[in-house]
Amino acid sequence: MAKPPSVTVTIDTPLMIAVKNGVIEMVEKILELLPSTIKDVNGEGKNILLLAVEYRHTNVLRFLSKRKWQNESVFRHTDNQENNALHLAAVPGEIQWFEFVKRTMPHAGLLGRFNSNMETPEEKFRKSYKEHMKKEIQWVVDTSKACSIVSTLVVSVAYGTRTGVPGGYEGGNGYAVLRNNPSEFRTFRDSSFAALFLSLFSTICFLSIVVASSRSHSAHHHSWRNIASKFNYGVYFMFASIVCLWISFCAADFFMLQDHTHKLNKALPTYIFLSMSLFLMVVLQLHTFLHPIWSYFWSISPRVSLSTLYEYYLP
């Protein structure tokens, strides 16, 4: 497609550099002082809209969408490979970004445009999306395998803690020796049971993901619809079981120190410090594990439905 006469083919201008870096204040000021620069393109034939899509700056896109009534030709522009904005949005293979850019464009007809490779934006996106999904799924499967080992170890420890009541059992009747301390004993009993249950549940979640990965995608693509939920629940419950295990340990230790008030008072600040450290570590690790899933599904907009999310992944 030939470039309009009004477009200046040039190297990166200050406006283009500002767009690439997402400096919206500079973009606004340059367009206010030099409105004609909105038509400038670089050596690859990309204008500021295509650059904003390529570098994924939502603030610049939102700003330009508010001005689309002034110059809609900017939104119809294509680069040297005949790629429009939707073609470039399809490259990362992330549906939130693609749907966001699609809503920003003033013309639905862009979806039917072909580039120099005879690909429409949706065709290009389907190809990129499948590759992206394979990488995301493989990451989840590999992480689930590692987490299933950890959760299984927590199950073993939780089971040993649950059956090994502090102080042991009375001979003959099987009652716990320290059962007459209702507050501490109840805390130990409930937390050890919760640790056992949560660790078992997380192990099941991780194993279900690993088992699902061995199935043929063409026959079982619907099973992947819950993969994010399974992984999230598995990670949540695994860390919750570790916290419960720590609580049961503290409750059991209180049994040993209940007759030594001085030792208990000295140990209490240590318990509080270690508990806060454990809680902080759990919160930080949750973000590390779940950020790839959260950013993938909710980084741009939570309004994309599951049916839209998976229609691109159907064989």
C-alpha atoms as a PDB file:
ATOM      1  CA  MET A   1       0.000   0.000   0.000  1.00  0.00           C
ATOM      2  CA  ALA A   2       1.473   3.359  -1.002  1.00  0.00           C
ATOM      3  CA  LYS A   3       2.084   5.896   1.729  1.00  0.00           C
ATOM      4  CA  PRO A   4      -0.083   9.011   1.717  1.00  0.00           C
ATOM      5  CA  PRO A   5       1.763  12.089   0.424  1.00  0.00           C
ATOM      6  CA  SER A   6       1.352  13.833   3.750  1.00  0.00           C
ATOM      7  CA  VAL A   7       3.369  11.195   5.576  1.00  0.00           C
ATOM      8  CA  THR A   8       7.045  11.894   6.135  1.00  0.00           C
ATOM      9  CA  VAL A   9       9.228   8.787   6.025  1.00  0.00           C
ATOM     10  CA  THR A  10      12.029   9.415   8.486  1.00  0.00           C
ATOM     11  CA  ILE A  11      14.146   7.975  11.254  1.00  0.00           C
ATOM     12  CA  ASP A  12      12.847   7.906  14.817  1.00  0.00           C
ATOM     13  CA  THR A  13      11.742  11.374  15.817  1.00  0.00           C
ATOM     14  CA  PRO A  14      11.471  12.655  19.420  1.00  0.00           C
ATOM     15  CA  LEU A  15       7.757  11.814  19.262  1.00  0.00           C
ATOM     16  CA  MET A  16       8.483   8.234  18.248  1.00  0.00           C
ATOM     17  CA  ILE A  17      11.082   7.863  20.981  1.00  0.00           C
ATOM     18  CA  ALA A  18       8.558   9.150  23.526  1.00  0.00           C
ATOM     19  CA  VAL A  19       5.959   6.660  22.255  1.00  0.00           C
ATOM     20  CA  LYS A  20       8.432   3.769  22.444  1.00  0.00           C
ATOM     21  CA  ASN A  21       9.169   4.622  26.065  1.00  0.00           C
ATOM     22  CA  GLY A  22       5.555   5.320  26.972  1.00  0.00           C
ATOM     23  CA  VAL A  23       6.189   8.902  28.130  1.00  0.00           C
ATOM     24  CA  ILE A  24       2.626  10.100  27.657  1.00  0.00           C
ATOM     25  CA  GLU A  25       3.317  13.644  28.908  1.00  0.00           C
ATOM     26  CA  MET A  26       5.905  14.197  26.191  1.00  0.00           C
ATOM     27  CA  VAL A  27       3.646  12.655  23.556  1.00  0.00           C
ATOM     28  CA  GLU A  28       0.817  15.002  24.491  1.00  0.00           C
ATOM     29  CA  LYS A  29       3.070  18.071  24.481  1.00  0.00           C
ATOM     30  CA  ILE A  30       4.687  17.305  21.119  1.00  0.00           C
ATOM     31  CA  LEU A  31       1.316  16.688  19.453  1.00  0.00           C
ATOM     32  CA  GLU A  32      -0.012  19.887  20.999  1.00  0.00           C
ATOM     33  CA  LEU A  33       2.863  21.959  19.586  1.00  0.00           C
ATOM     34  CA  LEU A  34       3.382  20.018  16.340  1.00  0.00           C
ATOM     35  CA  PRO A  35       0.134  18.207  15.454  1.00  0.00           C
ATOM     36  CA  SER A  36       1.397  17.305  11.970  1.00  0.00           C
ATOM     37  CA  THR A  37       3.994  14.945  13.484  1.00  0.00           C
ATOM     38  CA  ILE A  38       1.213  12.443  14.152  1.00  0.00           C
ATOM     39  CA  LYS A  39       1.627  11.337  10.525  1.00  0.00           C
ATOM     40  CA  ASP A  40       5.368  10.676  10.735  1.00  0.00           C
ATOM     41  CA  VAL A  41       6.629   7.134  10.131  1.00  0.00           C
ATOM     42  CA  ASN A  42      10.038   5.535  10.627  1.00  0.00           C
ATOM     43  CA  GLY A  43      12.142   3.494   8.247  1.00  0.00           C
ATOM     44  CA  GLU A  44       9.997   0.404   8.840  1.00  0.00           C
ATOM     45  CA  GLY A  45       6.879   2.292   7.861  1.00  0.00           C
ATOM     46  CA  LYS A  46       5.498   2.416  11.413  1.00  0.00           C
ATOM     47  CA  ASN A  47       3.707   5.447  12.754  1.00  0.00           C
ATOM     48  CA  ILE A  48       3.224   6.282  16.418  1.00  0.00           C
ATOM     49  CA  LEU A  49       0.103   4.094  16.697  1.00  0.00           C
ATOM     50  CA  LEU A  50       1.917   1.011  15.414  1.00  0.00           C
ATOM     51  CA  LEU A  51       4.849   1.772  17.712  1.00  0.00           C
ATOM     52  CA  ALA A  52       2.521   2.091  20.703  1.00  0.00           C
ATOM     53  CA  VAL A  53       1.023  -1.311  19.878  1.00  0.00           C
ATOM     54  CA  GLU A  54       4.414  -2.899  19.246  1.00  0.00           C
ATOM     55  CA  TYR A  55       5.821  -1.635  22.569  1.00  0.00           C
ATOM     56  CA  ARG A  56       2.511  -2.300  24.371  1.00  0.00           C
ATOM     57  CA  HIS A  57       1.918   1.109  25.946  1.00  0.00           C
ATOM     58  CA  THR A  58      -1.751   1.227  26.933  1.00  0.00           C
ATOM     59  CA  ASN A  59      -1.560   4.842  28.097  1.00  0.00           C
ATOM     60  CA  VAL A  60      -0.464   6.025  24.652  1.00  0.00           C
ATOM     61  CA  LEU A  61      -3.128   3.923  22.931  1.00  0.00           C
ATOM     62  CA  ARG A  62      -5.865   5.301  25.173  1.00  0.00           C
ATOM     63  CA  PHE A  63      -4.671   8.836  24.471  1.00  0.00           C
ATOM     64  CA  LEU A  64      -4.650   8.281  20.701  1.00  0.00           C
ATOM     65  CA  SER A  65      -8.068   6.623  20.769  1.00  0.00           C
ATOM     66  CA  LYS A  66      -9.517   9.801  22.282  1.00  0.00           C
ATOM     67  CA  ARG A  67      -8.155  11.738  19.280  1.00  0.00           C
ATOM     68  CA  LYS A  68      -9.189   9.275  16.576  1.00  0.00           C
ATOM     69  CA  TRP A  69     -11.950  11.598  15.391  1.00  0.00           C
ATOM     70  CA  GLN A  70      -9.217  14.102  14.399  1.00  0.00           C
ATOM     71  CA  ASN A  71      -7.238  11.773  12.119  1.00  0.00           C
ATOM     72  CA  GLU A  72      -8.589   8.255  11.599  1.00  0.00           C
ATOM     73  CA  SER A  73      -6.025   7.556   8.878  1.00  0.00           C
ATOM     74  CA  VAL A  74      -3.501   7.037  11.659  1.00  0.00           C
ATOM     75  CA  PHE A  75      -5.474   3.966  12.764  1.00  0.00           C
ATOM     76  CA  ARG A  76      -5.672   2.564   9.225  1.00  0.00           C
ATOM     77  CA  HIS A  77      -1.949   2.911   8.641  1.00  0.00           C
ATOM     78  CA  THR A  78       0.162  -0.143   7.746  1.00  0.00           C
ATOM     79  CA  ASP A  79       3.919  -0.669   7.845  1.00  0.00           C
ATOM     80  CA  ASN A  80       6.225  -1.847   5.055  1.00  0.00           C
ATOM     81  CA  GLN A  81       4.965  -5.436   5.508  1.00  0.00           C
ATOM     82  CA  GLU A  82       1.333  -4.279   5.243  1.00  0.00           C
ATOM     83  CA  ASN A  83       0.795  -5.010   8.947  1.00  0.00           C
ATOM     84  CA  ASN A  84      -1.843  -2.883  10.603  1.00  0.00           C
ATOM     85  CA  ALA A  85      -2.158  -2.337  14.363  1.00  0.00           C
ATOM     86  CA  LEU A  86      -4.047  -5.597  14.872  1.00  0.00           C
ATOM     87  CA  HIS A  87      -1.340  -7.574  13.071  1.00  0.00           C
ATOM     88  CA  LEU A  88       1.237  -6.188  15.497  1.00  0.00           C
ATOM     89  CA  ALA A  89      -1.045  -6.803  18.480  1.00  0.00           C
ATOM     90  CA  ALA A  90      -1.266 -10.447  17.432  1.00  0.00           C
ATOM     91  CA  VAL A  91       2.489 -11.030  17.622  1.00  0.00           C
ATOM     92  CA  PRO A  92       2.784 -11.607  21.419  1.00  0.00           C
ATOM     93  CA  GLY A  93      -0.075 -14.122  21.306  1.00  0.00           C
ATOM     94  CA  GLU A  94      -1.760 -12.717  24.433  1.00  0.00           C
ATOM     95  CA  ILE A  95      -5.507 -12.435  24.064  1.00  0.00           C
ATOM     96  CA  GLN A  96      -6.017  -9.613  26.589  1.00  0.00           C
ATOM     97  CA  TRP A  97      -3.691  -7.376  24.612  1.00  0.00           C
ATOM     98  CA  PHE A  98      -5.192  -8.358  21.267  1.00  0.00           C
ATOM     99  CA  GLU A  99      -8.764  -7.745  22.474  1.00  0.00           C
ATOM    100  CA  PHE A 100      -7.754  -4.423  24.037  1.00  0.00           C
ATOM    101  CA  VAL A 101      -6.202  -3.147  20.793  1.00  0.00           C
ATOM    102  CA  LYS A 102      -9.187  -4.444  18.811  1.00  0.00           C
ATOM    103  CA  ARG A 103     -11.567  -2.412  20.989  1.00  0.00           C
ATOM    104  CA  THR A 104      -9.377   0.652  20.504  1.00  0.00           C
ATOM    105  CA  MET A 105      -9.492   0.546  16.704  1.00  0.00           C
ATOM    106  CA  PRO A 106     -12.280   2.619  15.095  1.00  0.00           C
ATOM    107  CA  HIS A 107     -12.718   0.264  12.133  1.00  0.00           C
ATOM    108  CA  ALA A 108     -13.779  -3.354  12.471  1.00  0.00           C
ATOM    109  CA  GLY A 109     -12.673  -3.838   8.860  1.00  0.00           C
ATOM    110  CA  LEU A 110      -9.049  -4.025  10.001  1.00  0.00           C
ATOM    111  CA  LEU A 111      -9.661  -7.631  11.067  1.00  0.00           C
ATOM    112  CA  GLY A 112     -10.144  -8.646   7.447  1.00  0.00           C
ATOM    113  CA  ARG A 113      -7.035  -6.947   6.059  1.00  0.00           C
ATOM    114  CA  PHE A 114      -4.186  -9.107   4.754  1.00  0.00           C
ATOM    115  CA  ASN A 115      -0.497  -8.364   5.256  1.00  0.00           C
ATOM    116  CA  SER A 116       2.281  -9.184   2.804  1.00  0.00           C
ATOM    117  CA  ASN A 117       2.234 -12.812   4.045  1.00  0.00           C
ATOM    118  CA  MET A 118      -1.490 -13.046   3.211  1.00  0.00           C
ATOM    119  CA  GLU A 119      -2.459 -13.297   6.879  1.00  0.00           C
ATOM    120  CA  THR A 120      -5.324 -11.521   8.572  1.00  0.00           C
ATOM    121  CA  PRO A 121      -4.822 -10.307  12.156  1.00  0.00           C
ATOM    122  CA  GLU A 122      -6.940 -13.165  13.529  1.00  0.00           C
ATOM    123  CA  GLU A 123      -5.027 -15.774  11.535  1.00  0.00           C
ATOM    124  CA  LYS A 124      -1.748 -14.349  12.783  1.00  0.00           C
ATOM    125  CA  PHE A 125      -3.061 -14.255  16.324  1.00  0.00           C
ATOM    126  CA  ARG A 126      -4.294 -17.852  16.275  1.00  0.00           C
ATOM    127  CA  LYS A 127      -0.832 -19.015  15.266  1.00  0.00           C
ATOM    128  CA  SER A 128       0.934 -16.897  17.904  1.00  0.00           C
ATOM    129  CA  TYR A 129      -1.640 -17.738  20.572  1.00  0.00           C
ATOM    130  CA  LYS A 130      -1.200 -21.494  20.188  1.00  0.00           C
ATOM    131  CA  GLU A 131       2.555 -21.174  20.589  1.00  0.00           C
ATOM    132  CA  HIS A 132       2.110 -18.896  23.574  1.00  0.00           C
ATOM    133  CA  MET A 133      -0.363 -21.293  25.174  1.00  0.00           C
ATOM    134  CA  LYS A 134       2.031 -24.207  24.734  1.00  0.00           C
ATOM    135  CA  LYS A 135       4.766 -22.295  26.550  1.00  0.00           C
ATOM    136  CA  GLU A 136       2.414 -21.204  29.351  1.00  0.00           C
ATOM    137  CA  ILE A 137       1.019 -24.706  29.793  1.00  0.00           C
ATOM    138  CA  GLN A 138       4.497 -26.228  29.826  1.00  0.00           C
ATOM    139  CA  TRP A 139       5.563 -23.763  32.518  1.00  0.00           C
ATOM    140  CA  VAL A 140       2.539 -24.653  34.633  1.00  0.00           C
ATOM    141  CA  VAL A 141       3.126 -28.399  34.158  1.00  0.00           C
ATOM    142  CA  ASP A 142       6.826 -28.189  35.061  1.00  0.00           C
ATOM    143  CA  THR A 143       6.062 -26.049  38.112  1.00  0.00           C
ATOM    144  CA  SER A 144       3.242 -28.400  39.143  1.00  0.00           C
ATOM    145  CA  LYS A 145       5.624 -31.359  39.059  1.00  0.00           C
ATOM    146  CA  ALA A 146       8.020 -29.584  41.402  1.00  0.00           C
ATOM    147  CA  CYS A 147       5.218 -28.373  43.667  1.00  0.00           C
ATOM    148  CA  SER A 148       3.680 -31.844  43.859  1.00  0.00           C
ATOM    149  CA  ILE A 149       6.944 -33.131  45.376  1.00  0.00           C
ATOM    150  CA  VAL A 150       6.918 -30.352  47.957  1.00  0.00           C
ATOM    151  CA  SER A 151       3.248 -30.847  48.815  1.00  0.00           C
ATOM    152  CA  THR A 152       3.803 -34.611  49.178  1.00  0.00           C
ATOM    153  CA  LEU A 153       6.591 -33.922  51.672  1.00  0.00           C
ATOM    154  CA  VAL A 154       4.260 -31.591  53.561  1.00  0.00           C
ATOM    155  CA  VAL A 155       1.646 -34.393  53.623  1.00  0.00           C
ATOM    156  CA  SER A 156       4.192 -36.737  55.196  1.00  0.00           C
ATOM    157  CA  VAL A 157       5.220 -34.197  57.826  1.00  0.00           C
ATOM    158  CA  ALA A 158       1.609 -33.212  58.533  1.00  0.00           C
ATOM    159  CA  TYR A 159       0.593 -36.851  58.952  1.00  0.00           C
ATOM    160  CA  GLY A 160       3.488 -37.472  61.342  1.00  0.00           C
ATOM    161  CA  THR A 161       2.576 -34.345  63.308  1.00  0.00           C
ATOM    162  CA  ARG A 162      -1.082 -35.313  63.430  1.00  0.00           C
ATOM    163  CA  THR A 163      -0.399 -38.796  64.801  1.00  0.00           C
ATOM    164  CA  GLY A 164       2.482 -37.780  67.071  1.00  0.00           C
ATOM    165  CA  VAL A 165       0.597 -35.894  69.779  1.00  0.00           C
ATOM    166  CA  PRO A 166       2.941 -33.977  72.112  1.00  0.00           C
ATOM    167  CA  GLY A 167       3.316 -35.827  75.396  1.00  0.00           C
ATOM    168  CA  GLY A 168       2.153 -39.082  73.849  1.00  0.00           C
ATOM    169  CA  TYR A 169      -0.860 -41.174  74.845  1.00  0.00           C
ATOM    170  CA  GLU A 170      -1.943 -42.723  78.110  1.00  0.00           C
ATOM    171  CA  GLY A 171      -1.282 -46.413  78.272  1.00  0.00           C
ATOM    172  CA  GLY A 172      -4.297 -48.626  77.886  1.00  0.00           C
ATOM    173  CA  ASN A 173      -6.987 -46.123  76.850  1.00  0.00           C
ATOM    174  CA  GLY A 174      -5.198 -44.216  74.036  1.00  0.00           C
ATOM    175  CA  TYR A 175      -6.130 -40.741  75.311  1.00  0.00           C
ATOM    176  CA  ALA A 176      -3.685 -37.880  74.810  1.00  0.00           C
ATOM    177  CA  VAL A 177      -1.779 -37.074  77.967  1.00  0.00           C
ATOM    178  CA  LEU A 178      -2.128 -33.305  77.487  1.00  0.00           C
ATOM    179  CA  ARG A 179      -5.780 -33.313  76.475  1.00  0.00           C
ATOM    180  CA  ASN A 180      -6.667 -31.388  79.629  1.00  0.00           C
ATOM    181  CA  ASN A 181      -5.144 -28.246  78.148  1.00  0.00           C
ATOM    182  CA  PRO A 182      -8.115 -27.454  75.881  1.00  0.00           C
ATOM    183  CA  SER A 183      -6.862 -24.235  74.262  1.00  0.00           C
ATOM    184  CA  GLU A 184      -3.383 -25.417  73.229  1.00  0.00           C
ATOM    185  CA  PHE A 185      -4.546 -28.930  72.424  1.00  0.00           C
ATOM    186  CA  ARG A 186      -7.399 -27.673  70.239  1.00  0.00           C
ATOM    187  CA  THR A 187      -5.002 -25.363  68.355  1.00  0.00           C
ATOM    188  CA  PHE A 188      -2.596 -28.222  67.765  1.00  0.00           C
ATOM    189  CA  ARG A 189      -5.368 -30.614  66.738  1.00  0.00           C
ATOM    190  CA  ASP A 190      -7.090 -28.222  64.313  1.00  0.00           C
ATOM    191  CA  SER A 191      -3.925 -26.826  62.718  1.00  0.00           C
ATOM    192  CA  SER A 192      -2.345 -30.254  62.200  1.00  0.00           C
ATOM    193  CA  PHE A 193      -5.570 -31.548  60.642  1.00  0.00           C
ATOM    194  CA  ALA A 194      -5.822 -28.457  58.416  1.00  0.00           C
ATOM    195  CA  ALA A 195      -2.193 -28.896  57.306  1.00  0.00           C
ATOM    196  CA  LEU A 196      -2.853 -32.529  56.390  1.00  0.00           C
ATOM    197  CA  PHE A 197      -6.063 -31.742  54.487  1.00  0.00           C
ATOM    198  CA  LEU A 198      -4.682 -28.702  52.624  1.00  0.00           C
ATOM    199  CA  SER A 199      -1.482 -30.464  51.604  1.00  0.00           C
ATOM    200  CA  LEU A 200      -3.474 -33.445  50.309  1.00  0.00           C
ATOM    201  CA  PHE A 201      -5.746 -31.128  48.347  1.00  0.00           C
ATOM    202  CA  SER A 202      -2.807 -29.241  46.807  1.00  0.00           C
ATOM    203  CA  THR A 203      -1.142 -32.525  45.848  1.00  0.00           C
ATOM    204  CA  ILE A 204      -4.310 -33.617  44.057  1.00  0.00           C
ATOM    205  CA  CYS A 205      -4.490 -30.290  42.186  1.00  0.00           C
ATOM    206  CA  PHE A 206      -0.894 -30.538  40.990  1.00  0.00           C
ATOM    207  CA  LEU A 207      -1.193 -34.186  40.013  1.00  0.00           C
ATOM    208  CA  SER A 208      -4.372 -33.483  38.030  1.00  0.00           C
ATOM    209  CA  ILE A 209      -2.473 -30.867  36.005  1.00  0.00           C
ATOM    210  CA  VAL A 210       0.393 -33.275  35.322  1.00  0.00           C
ATOM    211  CA  VAL A 211      -2.010 -36.051  34.294  1.00  0.00           C
ATOM    212  CA  ALA A 212      -3.970 -33.709  32.024  1.00  0.00           C
ATOM    213  CA  SER A 213      -0.768 -32.716  30.231  1.00  0.00           C
ATOM    214  CA  SER A 214      -0.273 -36.282  29.003  1.00  0.00           C
ATOM    215  CA  ARG A 215      -3.605 -36.263  27.177  1.00  0.00           C
ATOM    216  CA  SER A 216      -4.097 -35.328  23.562  1.00  0.00           C
ATOM    217  CA  HIS A 217      -5.003 -31.650  23.284  1.00  0.00           C
ATOM    218  CA  SER A 218      -7.268 -32.231  20.305  1.00  0.00           C
ATOM    219  CA  ALA A 219      -9.436 -34.569  22.375  1.00  0.00           C
ATOM    220  CA  HIS A 220      -9.225 -32.835  25.725  1.00  0.00           C
ATOM    221  CA  HIS A 221      -8.797 -29.103  25.081  1.00  0.00           C
ATOM    222  CA  HIS A 222     -11.739 -28.369  27.397  1.00  0.00           C
ATOM    223  CA  SER A 223      -9.772 -29.819  30.347  1.00  0.00           C
ATOM    224  CA  TRP A 224      -7.354 -26.890  30.071  1.00  0.00           C
ATOM    225  CA  ARG A 225     -10.076 -24.375  30.837  1.00  0.00           C
ATOM    226  CA  ASN A 226      -9.561 -24.992  34.566  1.00  0.00           C
ATOM    227  CA  ILE A 227      -5.784 -25.206  34.512  1.00  0.00           C
ATOM    228  CA  ALA A 228      -5.297 -21.724  35.989  1.00  0.00           C
ATOM    229  CA  SER A 229      -7.805 -22.406  38.772  1.00  0.00           C
ATOM    230  CA  LYS A 230      -6.213 -25.765  39.589  1.00  0.00           C
ATOM    231  CA  PHE A 231      -2.761 -24.225  39.730  1.00  0.00           C
ATOM    232  CA  ASN A 232      -3.919 -21.271  41.828  1.00  0.00           C
ATOM    233  CA  TYR A 233      -5.736 -23.492  44.317  1.00  0.00           C
ATOM    234  CA  GLY A 234      -2.785 -25.869  44.474  1.00  0.00           C
ATOM    235  CA  VAL A 235      -0.308 -23.089  45.281  1.00  0.00           C
ATOM    236  CA  TYR A 236      -2.649 -21.388  47.756  1.00  0.00           C
ATOM    237  CA  PHE A 237      -3.351 -24.590  49.678  1.00  0.00           C
ATOM    238  CA  MET A 238       0.286 -25.715  49.629  1.00  0.00           C
ATOM    239  CA  PHE A 239       1.450 -22.512  51.295  1.00  0.00           C
ATOM    240  CA  ALA A 240      -1.558 -22.541  53.638  1.00  0.00           C
ATOM    241  CA  SER A 241      -0.628 -26.070  54.724  1.00  0.00           C
ATOM    242  CA  ILE A 242       2.916 -24.900  55.510  1.00  0.00           C
ATOM    243  CA  VAL A 243       1.516 -22.085  57.645  1.00  0.00           C
ATOM    244  CA  CYS A 244      -0.808 -24.509  59.467  1.00  0.00           C
ATOM    245  CA  LEU A 245       2.110 -26.854  60.025  1.00  0.00           C
ATOM    246  CA  TRP A 246       4.031 -24.014  61.643  1.00  0.00           C
ATOM    247  CA  ILE A 247       1.061 -23.182  63.880  1.00  0.00           C
ATOM    248  CA  SER A 248       0.799 -26.801  65.029  1.00  0.00           C
ATOM    249  CA  PHE A 249       4.527 -26.791  65.806  1.00  0.00           C
ATOM    250  CA  CYS A 250       4.155 -23.645  67.913  1.00  0.00           C
ATOM    251  CA  ALA A 251       1.166 -25.116  69.753  1.00  0.00           C
ATOM    252  CA  ALA A 252       3.118 -28.314  70.457  1.00  0.00           C
ATOM    253  CA  ASP A 253       6.073 -26.315  71.742  1.00  0.00           C
ATOM    254  CA  PHE A 254       3.791 -24.436  74.108  1.00  0.00           C
ATOM    255  CA  PHE A 255       2.953 -27.789  75.686  1.00  0.00           C
ATOM    256  CA  MET A 256       6.580 -28.310  76.528  1.00  0.00           C
ATOM    257  CA  LEU A 257       7.017 -24.832  78.007  1.00  0.00           C
ATOM    258  CA  GLN A 258       3.715 -24.388  79.826  1.00  0.00           C
ATOM    259  CA  ASP A 259       5.258 -25.249  83.170  1.00  0.00           C
ATOM    260  CA  HIS A 260       8.204 -22.930  82.582  1.00  0.00           C
ATOM    261  CA  THR A 261       6.752 -19.443  82.517  1.00  0.00           C
ATOM    262  CA  HIS A 262      10.141 -17.751  82.275  1.00  0.00           C
ATOM    263  CA  LYS A 263      11.180 -19.829  79.257  1.00  0.00           C
ATOM    264  CA  LEU A 264       7.783 -19.276  77.645  1.00  0.00           C
ATOM    265  CA  ASN A 265       8.035 -15.498  78.007  1.00  0.00           C
ATOM    266  CA  LYS A 266      11.489 -15.549  76.443  1.00  0.00           C
ATOM    267  CA  ALA A 267      10.365 -17.783  73.579  1.00  0.00           C
ATOM    268  CA  LEU A 268       7.237 -15.776  72.747  1.00  0.00           C
ATOM    269  CA  PRO A 269       9.017 -12.901  70.906  1.00  0.00           C
ATOM    270  CA  THR A 270      10.927 -15.490  68.890  1.00  0.00           C
ATOM    271  CA  TYR A 271       7.678 -17.185  67.899  1.00  0.00           C
ATOM    272  CA  ILE A 272       6.164 -13.857  66.835  1.00  0.00           C
ATOM    273  CA  PHE A 273       9.235 -12.852  64.813  1.00  0.00           C
ATOM    274  CA  LEU A 274       9.506 -16.200  63.042  1.00  0.00           C
ATOM    275  CA  SER A 275       5.763 -16.282  62.359  1.00  0.00           C
ATOM    276  CA  MET A 276       5.814 -12.828  60.787  1.00  0.00           C
ATOM    277  CA  SER A 277       8.866 -13.782  58.713  1.00  0.00           C
ATOM    278  CA  LEU A 278       7.121 -16.935  57.501  1.00  0.00           C
ATOM    279  CA  PHE A 279       3.960 -15.007  56.624  1.00  0.00           C
ATOM    280  CA  LEU A 280       5.954 -12.400  54.680  1.00  0.00           C
ATOM    281  CA  MET A 281       7.859 -15.089  52.810  1.00  0.00           C
ATOM    282  CA  VAL A 282       4.627 -16.879  51.866  1.00  0.00           C
ATOM    283  CA  VAL A 283       3.098 -13.661  50.516  1.00  0.00           C
ATOM    284  CA  LEU A 284       6.193 -12.897  48.434  1.00  0.00           C
ATOM    285  CA  GLN A 285       6.400 -16.426  47.054  1.00  0.00           C
ATOM    286  CA  LEU A 286       2.707 -16.452  46.120  1.00  0.00           C
ATOM    287  CA  HIS A 287       3.306 -13.465  43.864  1.00  0.00           C
ATOM    288  CA  THR A 288       6.317 -15.192  42.279  1.00  0.00           C
ATOM    289  CA  PHE A 289       4.338 -18.336  41.500  1.00  0.00           C
ATOM    290  CA  LEU A 290       1.060 -16.775  40.427  1.00  0.00           C
ATOM    291  CA  HIS A 291       2.215 -13.634  38.603  1.00  0.00           C
ATOM    292  CA  PRO A 292       2.657 -15.432  35.230  1.00  0.00           C
ATOM    293  CA  ILE A 293      -0.918 -16.719  35.471  1.00  0.00           C
ATOM    294  CA  TRP A 294      -2.385 -13.415  36.685  1.00  0.00           C
ATOM    295  CA  SER A 295      -0.563 -11.336  34.078  1.00  0.00           C
ATOM    296  CA  TYR A 296      -1.598 -13.745  31.345  1.00  0.00           C
ATOM    297  CA  PHE A 297      -5.307 -13.718  32.112  1.00  0.00           C
ATOM    298  CA  TRP A 298      -5.880 -10.325  33.715  1.00  0.00           C
ATOM    299  CA  SER A 299      -3.041  -7.995  32.703  1.00  0.00           C
ATOM    300  CA  ILE A 300      -5.143  -5.780  30.420  1.00  0.00           C
ATOM    301  CA  SER A 301      -8.811  -6.399  31.081  1.00  0.00           C
ATOM    302  CA  PRO A 302     -10.785  -8.924  33.150  1.00  0.00           C
ATOM    303  CA  ARG A 303     -13.742  -8.715  30.766  1.00  0.00           C
ATOM    304  CA  VAL A 304     -12.521 -11.354  28.300  1.00  0.00           C
ATOM    305  CA  SER A 305     -14.770 -14.401  28.696  1.00  0.00           C
ATOM    306  CA  LEU A 306     -13.551 -17.988  28.778  1.00  0.00           C
ATOM    307  CA  SER A 307     -15.327 -18.712  25.512  1.00  0.00           C
ATOM    308  CA  THR A 308     -13.382 -15.899  23.839  1.00  0.00           C
ATOM    309  CA  LEU A 309     -10.184 -16.963  25.554  1.00  0.00           C
ATOM    310  CA  TYR A 310     -10.280 -20.500  24.205  1.00  0.00           C
ATOM    311  CA  GLU A 311     -11.919 -20.048  20.820  1.00  0.00           C
ATOM    312  CA  TYR A 312      -8.505 -19.189  19.400  1.00  0.00           C
ATOM    313  CA  TYR A 313      -7.035 -22.410  20.763  1.00  0.00           C
ATOM    314  CA  LEU A 314      -9.511 -24.817  19.230  1.00  0.00           C
ATOM    315  CA  PRO A 315      -7.957 -27.201  16.689  1.00  0.00           C
END
